[in-house]
């Protein structure tokens, strides 16, 4: 049986919901997540020798929209991302991610206004392992998820100052 686990944690960021939500897009994360380099339009995150398919769109940074696909390369893994839901009025996004040979996940982020210009952010990962390696990643997430998400607060606030 595949190991599926859900992780959720809330943080409070000293910024308005619109500002925080903008940081939770593929391009927004580039501003505060070290090594976060989303790749669009046929360019591969796996290396410089990749030849771009000329039939694919150019690798410009698009606005976030449902159906947007991009890749990231981090920690020796390439992950394919698909933007499933963009709901600006509800201030939430849903991403589907696939790391071949390891795991699949649905990632949900949502922002709610709080008093004094603060924003409450709910982050949820539903992760399913596809291999023993994926199982090990999930076990590591169990140990460090809350601490990792808490680390978002100073990183986000640092770029919003």
N, C-alpha and C. Protein backbone atom coordinates (compact mmCIF):
# COMPACT_ATOMS: atom_id res chain seq x y z
N UNK A 1 0.83 -1.18 0.00
CA UNK A 1 0.00 0.00 0.00
C UNK A 1 0.88 1.25 0.00
N UNK A 2 0.45 2.25 -0.75
CA UNK A 2 1.20 3.49 -0.82
C UNK A 2 0.99 4.31 0.45
N UNK A 3 2.05 4.95 0.90
CA UNK A 3 2.00 5.80 2.08
C UNK A 3 1.49 7.17 1.68
N UNK A 4 0.30 7.55 2.17
CA UNK A 4 -0.26 8.88 1.93
C UNK A 4 -0.40 9.59 3.27
N UNK A 5 -0.01 10.82 3.30
CA UNK A 5 -0.04 11.59 4.53
C UNK A 5 -0.44 13.02 4.21
N UNK A 6 -1.18 13.63 5.12
CA UNK A 6 -1.55 15.04 4.98
C UNK A 6 -0.87 15.83 6.08
N UNK A 7 -0.24 16.93 5.68
CA UNK A 7 0.41 17.85 6.61
C UNK A 7 -0.27 19.20 6.46
N UNK A 8 -0.58 19.85 7.57
CA UNK A 8 -1.14 21.21 7.53
C UNK A 8 -0.53 22.03 8.65
N UNK A 9 -0.34 23.30 8.35
CA UNK A 9 0.14 24.22 9.39
C UNK A 9 -0.26 25.64 9.01
N UNK A 10 -0.58 26.44 10.02
CA UNK A 10 -0.92 27.85 9.82
C UNK A 10 0.20 28.73 10.34
N UNK A 11 0.43 29.80 9.61
CA UNK A 11 1.39 30.82 10.04
C UNK A 11 0.71 32.18 9.92
N UNK A 12 1.27 33.16 10.58
CA UNK A 12 0.77 34.53 10.47
C UNK A 12 1.92 35.39 9.97
N UNK A 13 1.65 36.12 8.88
CA UNK A 13 2.66 36.96 8.24
C UNK A 13 2.25 38.42 8.39
N UNK A 14 3.20 39.27 8.71
CA UNK A 14 2.94 40.70 8.89
C UNK A 14 2.91 41.40 7.54
N UNK A 15 1.81 41.18 6.83
CA UNK A 15 1.59 41.80 5.52
C UNK A 15 0.13 41.57 5.15
N UNK A 16 -0.34 42.30 4.17
CA UNK A 16 -1.72 42.15 3.71
C UNK A 16 -1.87 40.87 2.88
N UNK A 17 -3.07 40.28 2.86
CA UNK A 17 -3.28 39.03 2.11
C UNK A 17 -2.84 39.12 0.64
N UNK A 18 -3.11 40.22 -0.02
CA UNK A 18 -2.74 40.36 -1.43
C UNK A 18 -1.22 40.25 -1.61
N UNK A 19 -0.46 40.86 -0.69
CA UNK A 19 0.99 40.81 -0.76
C UNK A 19 1.52 39.40 -0.49
N UNK A 20 0.94 38.73 0.49
CA UNK A 20 1.37 37.38 0.83
C UNK A 20 1.01 36.41 -0.29
N UNK A 21 -0.20 36.50 -0.82
CA UNK A 21 -0.63 35.60 -1.88
C UNK A 21 0.29 35.73 -3.10
N UNK A 22 0.73 36.94 -3.39
CA UNK A 22 1.64 37.13 -4.53
C UNK A 22 2.96 36.39 -4.32
N UNK A 23 3.35 36.18 -3.08
CA UNK A 23 4.59 35.45 -2.80
C UNK A 23 4.41 33.94 -2.87
N UNK A 24 3.17 33.48 -3.01
CA UNK A 24 2.89 32.04 -3.06
C UNK A 24 2.65 31.54 -4.48
N UNK A 25 3.05 32.33 -5.46
CA UNK A 25 3.00 31.94 -6.87
C UNK A 25 4.38 31.42 -7.27
N UNK A 26 4.48 30.75 -8.42
CA UNK A 26 5.81 30.28 -8.85
C UNK A 26 6.85 31.41 -8.90
N UNK A 27 6.49 32.54 -9.46
CA UNK A 27 7.43 33.65 -9.54
C UNK A 27 7.60 34.35 -8.20
N UNK A 28 6.55 34.45 -7.43
CA UNK A 28 6.65 35.07 -6.12
C UNK A 28 7.62 34.34 -5.21
N UNK A 29 7.59 33.03 -5.27
CA UNK A 29 8.49 32.24 -4.41
C UNK A 29 9.95 32.46 -4.78
N UNK A 30 10.20 32.80 -6.01
CA UNK A 30 11.58 33.07 -6.44
C UNK A 30 12.20 34.17 -5.58
N UNK A 31 11.37 35.09 -5.07
CA UNK A 31 11.85 36.23 -4.28
C UNK A 31 12.32 35.83 -2.88
N UNK A 32 11.81 34.72 -2.33
CA UNK A 32 12.12 34.43 -0.93
C UNK A 32 12.55 33.01 -0.63
N UNK A 33 12.52 32.12 -1.63
CA UNK A 33 12.95 30.74 -1.42
C UNK A 33 14.30 30.53 -2.12
N UNK A 34 15.37 30.36 -1.35
CA UNK A 34 16.69 30.15 -1.97
C UNK A 34 16.69 28.94 -2.90
N UNK A 35 17.21 29.13 -4.10
CA UNK A 35 17.31 28.04 -5.06
C UNK A 35 16.02 27.74 -5.82
N UNK A 36 14.95 28.46 -5.54
CA UNK A 36 13.67 28.23 -6.24
C UNK A 36 13.76 28.89 -7.60
N UNK A 37 13.78 28.07 -8.64
CA UNK A 37 13.91 28.56 -10.01
C UNK A 37 12.91 27.84 -10.90
N UNK A 38 11.65 28.28 -10.91
CA UNK A 38 10.68 27.62 -11.79
C UNK A 38 11.06 27.82 -13.26
N UNK A 39 10.82 26.80 -14.04
CA UNK A 39 11.17 26.82 -15.46
C UNK A 39 9.90 26.58 -16.25
N UNK A 40 9.66 27.42 -17.26
CA UNK A 40 8.45 27.37 -18.06
C UNK A 40 8.79 27.12 -19.54
N UNK A 41 7.80 26.72 -20.31
CA UNK A 41 7.88 26.75 -21.76
C UNK A 41 8.86 25.81 -22.40
N UNK A 42 9.02 24.62 -21.84
CA UNK A 42 9.83 23.63 -22.53
C UNK A 42 11.28 23.58 -22.10
N UNK A 43 11.74 24.56 -21.35
CA UNK A 43 13.10 24.45 -20.84
C UNK A 43 13.10 23.47 -19.69
N UNK A 44 14.09 22.64 -19.65
CA UNK A 44 14.19 21.64 -18.60
C UNK A 44 14.99 22.18 -17.44
N UNK A 45 14.62 21.76 -16.24
CA UNK A 45 15.40 22.12 -15.06
C UNK A 45 16.55 21.14 -14.85
N UNK A 46 16.71 20.20 -15.78
CA UNK A 46 17.70 19.15 -15.56
C UNK A 46 19.08 19.49 -16.09
N UNK A 47 19.25 20.61 -16.78
CA UNK A 47 20.59 20.94 -17.19
C UNK A 47 20.66 21.83 -18.41
N UNK A 48 21.82 22.39 -18.67
CA UNK A 48 21.98 23.35 -19.75
C UNK A 48 22.03 22.73 -21.14
N UNK A 49 22.16 21.41 -21.24
CA UNK A 49 22.29 20.77 -22.54
C UNK A 49 20.94 20.48 -23.20
N UNK A 50 19.86 20.81 -22.51
CA UNK A 50 18.53 20.56 -23.04
C UNK A 50 18.27 21.48 -24.22
N UNK A 51 17.76 20.92 -25.33
CA UNK A 51 17.40 21.74 -26.48
C UNK A 51 15.91 22.01 -26.43
N UNK A 52 15.56 23.30 -26.47
CA UNK A 52 14.16 23.69 -26.38
C UNK A 52 13.41 23.33 -27.65
N UNK A 53 12.21 22.81 -27.49
CA UNK A 53 11.32 22.51 -28.61
C UNK A 53 10.75 23.83 -29.11
N UNK A 54 11.03 24.19 -30.34
CA UNK A 54 10.62 25.50 -30.87
C UNK A 54 9.10 25.63 -30.97
N UNK A 55 8.36 24.52 -30.88
CA UNK A 55 6.90 24.59 -30.93
C UNK A 55 6.30 25.01 -29.58
N UNK A 56 7.13 24.98 -28.54
CA UNK A 56 6.63 25.35 -27.21
C UNK A 56 6.80 26.85 -27.00
N UNK A 57 5.99 27.41 -26.13
CA UNK A 57 6.11 28.85 -25.88
C UNK A 57 7.45 29.20 -25.24
N UNK A 58 7.81 30.46 -25.33
CA UNK A 58 9.08 30.88 -24.74
C UNK A 58 9.01 30.80 -23.22
N UNK A 59 10.16 30.68 -22.58
CA UNK A 59 10.20 30.46 -21.13
C UNK A 59 10.07 31.74 -20.31
N UNK A 60 9.14 32.60 -20.69
CA UNK A 60 8.93 33.80 -19.89
C UNK A 60 8.14 33.44 -18.65
N UNK A 61 8.19 34.30 -17.66
CA UNK A 61 7.48 34.07 -16.41
C UNK A 61 6.03 34.49 -16.57
N UNK A 62 5.13 33.55 -16.71
CA UNK A 62 3.73 33.89 -16.91
C UNK A 62 3.04 34.27 -15.60
N UNK A 63 1.91 34.95 -15.73
CA UNK A 63 1.07 35.17 -14.56
C UNK A 63 0.53 33.83 -14.11
N UNK A 64 0.18 33.72 -12.85
CA UNK A 64 -0.38 32.47 -12.37
C UNK A 64 -1.77 32.29 -12.96
N UNK A 65 -2.02 31.09 -13.47
CA UNK A 65 -3.34 30.76 -14.02
C UNK A 65 -3.53 29.25 -13.96
N UNK A 66 -4.79 28.84 -13.90
CA UNK A 66 -5.07 27.41 -13.88
C UNK A 66 -4.54 26.77 -15.14
N UNK A 67 -3.91 25.63 -15.00
CA UNK A 67 -3.33 24.92 -16.12
C UNK A 67 -1.87 25.23 -16.38
N UNK A 68 -1.32 26.22 -15.70
CA UNK A 68 0.10 26.55 -15.85
C UNK A 68 0.94 25.35 -15.41
N UNK A 69 1.95 25.02 -16.19
CA UNK A 69 2.86 23.92 -15.88
C UNK A 69 4.27 24.47 -15.82
N UNK A 70 5.02 24.02 -14.82
CA UNK A 70 6.42 24.42 -14.70
C UNK A 70 7.18 23.32 -13.98
N UNK A 71 8.49 23.40 -14.03
CA UNK A 71 9.33 22.43 -13.32
C UNK A 71 10.26 23.18 -12.37
N UNK A 72 10.69 22.45 -11.35
CA UNK A 72 11.72 22.96 -10.45
C UNK A 72 12.75 21.85 -10.27
N UNK A 73 13.94 22.26 -9.92
CA UNK A 73 15.02 21.31 -9.65
C UNK A 73 15.62 21.69 -8.31
N UNK A 74 15.49 20.80 -7.34
CA UNK A 74 15.96 21.12 -5.99
C UNK A 74 16.36 19.81 -5.30
N UNK A 75 17.46 19.84 -4.60
CA UNK A 75 17.90 18.67 -3.85
C UNK A 75 18.13 17.45 -4.72
N UNK A 76 18.56 17.68 -5.96
CA UNK A 76 18.83 16.56 -6.86
C UNK A 76 17.59 15.95 -7.50
N UNK A 77 16.44 16.57 -7.31
CA UNK A 77 15.19 16.06 -7.89
C UNK A 77 14.56 17.11 -8.79
N UNK A 78 13.97 16.63 -9.89
CA UNK A 78 13.17 17.49 -10.75
C UNK A 78 11.71 17.21 -10.46
N UNK A 79 10.95 18.27 -10.26
CA UNK A 79 9.52 18.14 -9.96
C UNK A 79 8.72 18.89 -11.00
N UNK A 80 7.67 18.24 -11.49
CA UNK A 80 6.72 18.83 -12.43
C UNK A 80 5.55 19.37 -11.61
N UNK A 81 5.19 20.62 -11.83
CA UNK A 81 4.09 21.28 -11.12
C UNK A 81 2.98 21.64 -12.09
N UNK A 82 1.75 21.54 -11.63
CA UNK A 82 0.57 21.91 -12.40
C UNK A 82 -0.31 22.78 -11.49
N UNK A 83 -0.68 23.96 -11.95
CA UNK A 83 -1.54 24.83 -11.16
C UNK A 83 -2.98 24.38 -11.40
N UNK A 84 -3.60 23.82 -10.34
CA UNK A 84 -4.95 23.28 -10.47
C UNK A 84 -6.04 24.30 -10.19
N UNK A 85 -5.84 25.16 -9.21
CA UNK A 85 -6.85 26.14 -8.83
C UNK A 85 -6.21 27.47 -8.54
N UNK A 86 -6.78 28.51 -9.12
CA UNK A 86 -6.43 29.88 -8.80
C UNK A 86 -7.73 30.57 -8.45
N UNK A 87 -7.91 30.92 -7.20
CA UNK A 87 -9.12 31.58 -6.75
C UNK A 87 -8.71 32.86 -6.01
N UNK A 88 -8.58 33.93 -6.77
CA UNK A 88 -8.12 35.19 -6.20
C UNK A 88 -9.12 35.74 -5.17
N UNK A 89 -10.41 35.59 -5.43
CA UNK A 89 -11.39 36.14 -4.49
C UNK A 89 -11.37 35.42 -3.16
N UNK A 90 -11.10 34.12 -3.17
CA UNK A 90 -10.98 33.35 -1.92
C UNK A 90 -9.55 33.34 -1.40
N UNK A 91 -8.64 33.94 -2.16
CA UNK A 91 -7.22 34.04 -1.80
C UNK A 91 -6.60 32.66 -1.56
N UNK A 92 -6.75 31.78 -2.57
CA UNK A 92 -6.16 30.45 -2.42
C UNK A 92 -5.70 29.91 -3.78
N UNK A 93 -4.65 29.08 -3.70
CA UNK A 93 -4.11 28.38 -4.86
C UNK A 93 -3.98 26.91 -4.52
N UNK A 94 -4.09 26.08 -5.56
CA UNK A 94 -3.85 24.65 -5.40
C UNK A 94 -2.89 24.21 -6.49
N UNK A 95 -1.84 23.52 -6.06
CA UNK A 95 -0.82 23.01 -6.97
C UNK A 95 -0.80 21.49 -6.89
N UNK A 96 -0.52 20.85 -8.03
CA UNK A 96 -0.31 19.40 -8.08
C UNK A 96 1.14 19.22 -8.50
N UNK A 97 1.86 18.40 -7.74
CA UNK A 97 3.27 18.21 -8.06
C UNK A 97 3.60 16.73 -8.16
N UNK A 98 4.51 16.41 -9.09
CA UNK A 98 4.92 15.04 -9.34
C UNK A 98 6.43 15.01 -9.41
N UNK A 99 7.04 14.24 -8.50
CA UNK A 99 8.47 14.03 -8.50
C UNK A 99 8.69 12.58 -8.92
N UNK A 100 9.09 12.35 -10.19
CA UNK A 100 9.18 10.98 -10.71
C UNK A 100 10.02 10.07 -9.81
N UNK A 101 9.49 8.87 -9.61
CA UNK A 101 10.19 7.87 -8.81
C UNK A 101 10.14 8.13 -7.32
N UNK A 102 9.39 9.15 -6.90
CA UNK A 102 9.39 9.49 -5.49
C UNK A 102 7.99 9.69 -4.91
N UNK A 103 7.29 10.75 -5.37
CA UNK A 103 6.01 11.08 -4.74
C UNK A 103 5.18 11.99 -5.63
N UNK A 104 3.90 12.05 -5.30
CA UNK A 104 2.96 13.02 -5.86
C UNK A 104 2.36 13.77 -4.68
N UNK A 105 1.90 14.99 -4.95
CA UNK A 105 1.30 15.76 -3.87
C UNK A 105 0.34 16.79 -4.41
N UNK A 106 -0.62 17.14 -3.57
CA UNK A 106 -1.47 18.30 -3.79
C UNK A 106 -1.07 19.28 -2.71
N UNK A 107 -0.76 20.51 -3.13
CA UNK A 107 -0.34 21.55 -2.20
C UNK A 107 -1.38 22.66 -2.27
N UNK A 108 -1.95 22.99 -1.12
CA UNK A 108 -2.94 24.07 -1.05
C UNK A 108 -2.41 25.17 -0.15
N UNK A 109 -2.55 26.41 -0.61
CA UNK A 109 -2.19 27.56 0.20
C UNK A 109 -3.36 28.54 0.15
N UNK A 110 -3.68 29.10 1.30
CA UNK A 110 -4.77 30.06 1.37
C UNK A 110 -4.44 31.14 2.37
N UNK A 111 -4.94 32.35 2.11
CA UNK A 111 -4.66 33.51 2.96
C UNK A 111 -5.95 34.10 3.48
N UNK A 112 -5.96 34.44 4.76
CA UNK A 112 -7.10 35.10 5.39
C UNK A 112 -6.62 36.34 6.12
N UNK A 113 -7.34 37.46 5.97
CA UNK A 113 -6.93 38.67 6.67
C UNK A 113 -7.14 38.54 8.18
N UNK A 114 -6.22 39.12 8.91
CA UNK A 114 -6.31 39.20 10.37
C UNK A 114 -6.29 40.68 10.73
N UNK A 115 -6.49 40.97 11.99
CA UNK A 115 -6.43 42.35 12.44
C UNK A 115 -5.02 42.92 12.29
N UNK A 116 -4.95 44.24 12.27
CA UNK A 116 -3.68 44.96 12.24
C UNK A 116 -2.83 44.67 11.00
N UNK A 117 -3.46 44.37 9.86
CA UNK A 117 -2.73 44.17 8.63
C UNK A 117 -1.95 42.87 8.54
N UNK A 118 -2.32 41.89 9.36
CA UNK A 118 -1.66 40.59 9.33
C UNK A 118 -2.43 39.63 8.43
N UNK A 119 -1.78 38.56 8.02
CA UNK A 119 -2.41 37.54 7.19
C UNK A 119 -2.14 36.17 7.78
N UNK A 120 -3.21 35.39 7.94
CA UNK A 120 -3.09 34.00 8.36
C UNK A 120 -3.00 33.16 7.09
N UNK A 121 -1.96 32.31 7.02
CA UNK A 121 -1.73 31.47 5.85
C UNK A 121 -1.87 30.01 6.27
N UNK A 122 -2.74 29.28 5.59
CA UNK A 122 -2.87 27.84 5.82
C UNK A 122 -2.18 27.12 4.68
N UNK A 123 -1.25 26.24 5.03
CA UNK A 123 -0.49 25.46 4.06
C UNK A 123 -0.81 23.99 4.29
N UNK A 124 -1.27 23.31 3.25
CA UNK A 124 -1.60 21.88 3.36
C UNK A 124 -0.92 21.11 2.22
N UNK A 125 -0.25 20.04 2.59
CA UNK A 125 0.35 19.11 1.63
C UNK A 125 -0.31 17.75 1.81
N UNK A 126 -0.87 17.20 0.75
CA UNK A 126 -1.33 15.80 0.73
C UNK A 126 -0.34 15.06 -0.13
N UNK A 127 0.47 14.21 0.48
CA UNK A 127 1.60 13.58 -0.20
C UNK A 127 1.42 12.07 -0.25
N UNK A 128 1.70 11.48 -1.40
CA UNK A 128 1.67 10.02 -1.57
C UNK A 128 3.02 9.56 -2.10
N UNK A 129 3.60 8.61 -1.40
CA UNK A 129 4.88 8.05 -1.82
C UNK A 129 4.67 7.10 -2.99
N UNK A 130 5.62 7.12 -3.91
CA UNK A 130 5.59 6.22 -5.07
C UNK A 130 6.69 5.18 -5.01
N UNK A 131 7.54 5.27 -3.98
CA UNK A 131 8.71 4.39 -3.88
C UNK A 131 9.25 4.45 -2.46
N UNK A 132 10.19 3.58 -2.15
CA UNK A 132 10.85 3.69 -0.84
C UNK A 132 11.50 5.06 -0.62
N UNK A 133 12.06 5.64 -1.68
CA UNK A 133 12.62 6.98 -1.56
C UNK A 133 11.53 7.98 -1.15
N UNK A 134 10.37 7.89 -1.79
CA UNK A 134 9.25 8.76 -1.45
C UNK A 134 8.81 8.56 -0.01
N UNK A 135 8.83 7.32 0.46
CA UNK A 135 8.50 7.03 1.86
C UNK A 135 9.48 7.75 2.79
N UNK A 136 10.76 7.73 2.44
CA UNK A 136 11.77 8.40 3.27
C UNK A 136 11.56 9.91 3.28
N UNK A 137 11.17 10.46 2.14
CA UNK A 137 10.91 11.90 2.08
C UNK A 137 9.72 12.25 2.98
N UNK A 138 8.67 11.43 2.94
CA UNK A 138 7.51 11.68 3.80
C UNK A 138 7.88 11.60 5.27
N UNK A 139 8.71 10.63 5.62
CA UNK A 139 9.15 10.52 7.01
C UNK A 139 9.92 11.76 7.44
N UNK A 140 10.76 12.28 6.55
CA UNK A 140 11.51 13.50 6.86
C UNK A 140 10.56 14.70 7.00
N UNK A 141 9.52 14.72 6.16
CA UNK A 141 8.53 15.80 6.26
C UNK A 141 7.83 15.75 7.61
N UNK A 142 7.52 14.56 8.08
CA UNK A 142 6.85 14.43 9.38
C UNK A 142 7.67 15.09 10.47
N UNK A 143 8.97 14.94 10.39
CA UNK A 143 9.86 15.48 11.42
C UNK A 143 10.07 16.98 11.29
N UNK A 144 9.95 17.53 10.08
CA UNK A 144 10.33 18.93 9.89
C UNK A 144 9.33 19.86 9.26
N UNK A 145 8.10 19.39 9.01
CA UNK A 145 7.12 20.21 8.28
C UNK A 145 6.80 21.51 9.00
N UNK A 146 6.45 21.45 10.26
CA UNK A 146 6.06 22.65 11.00
C UNK A 146 7.21 23.65 11.03
N UNK A 147 8.40 23.17 11.32
CA UNK A 147 9.57 24.06 11.37
C UNK A 147 9.82 24.70 10.00
N UNK A 148 9.68 23.92 8.94
CA UNK A 148 9.89 24.47 7.60
C UNK A 148 8.89 25.57 7.29
N UNK A 149 7.61 25.31 7.55
CA UNK A 149 6.58 26.31 7.25
C UNK A 149 6.76 27.54 8.14
N UNK A 150 7.11 27.35 9.39
CA UNK A 150 7.39 28.50 10.27
C UNK A 150 8.53 29.35 9.71
N UNK A 151 9.47 28.72 9.04
CA UNK A 151 10.58 29.44 8.42
C UNK A 151 10.15 30.35 7.29
N UNK A 152 8.96 30.11 6.76
CA UNK A 152 8.45 30.98 5.70
C UNK A 152 8.22 32.40 6.21
N UNK A 153 7.84 32.53 7.49
CA UNK A 153 7.46 33.84 8.02
C UNK A 153 8.60 34.86 7.89
N UNK A 154 9.78 34.62 8.47
CA UNK A 154 10.83 35.62 8.32
C UNK A 154 11.29 35.80 6.88
N UNK A 155 11.25 34.74 6.09
CA UNK A 155 11.68 34.84 4.70
C UNK A 155 10.72 35.75 3.92
N UNK A 156 9.43 35.55 4.10
CA UNK A 156 8.44 36.37 3.39
C UNK A 156 8.46 37.81 3.89
N UNK A 157 8.47 37.97 5.20
CA UNK A 157 8.48 39.32 5.75
C UNK A 157 9.75 40.07 5.35
N UNK A 158 10.84 39.35 5.20
CA UNK A 158 12.10 39.97 4.79
C UNK A 158 12.04 40.60 3.42
N UNK A 159 11.32 40.00 2.48
CA UNK A 159 11.24 40.58 1.13
C UNK A 159 10.12 41.61 1.03
N UNK A 160 9.23 41.64 1.99
CA UNK A 160 8.12 42.60 1.95
C UNK A 160 8.45 43.90 2.68
N UNK A 161 9.55 43.96 3.37
CA UNK A 161 9.94 45.19 4.09
C UNK A 161 10.39 46.25 3.15
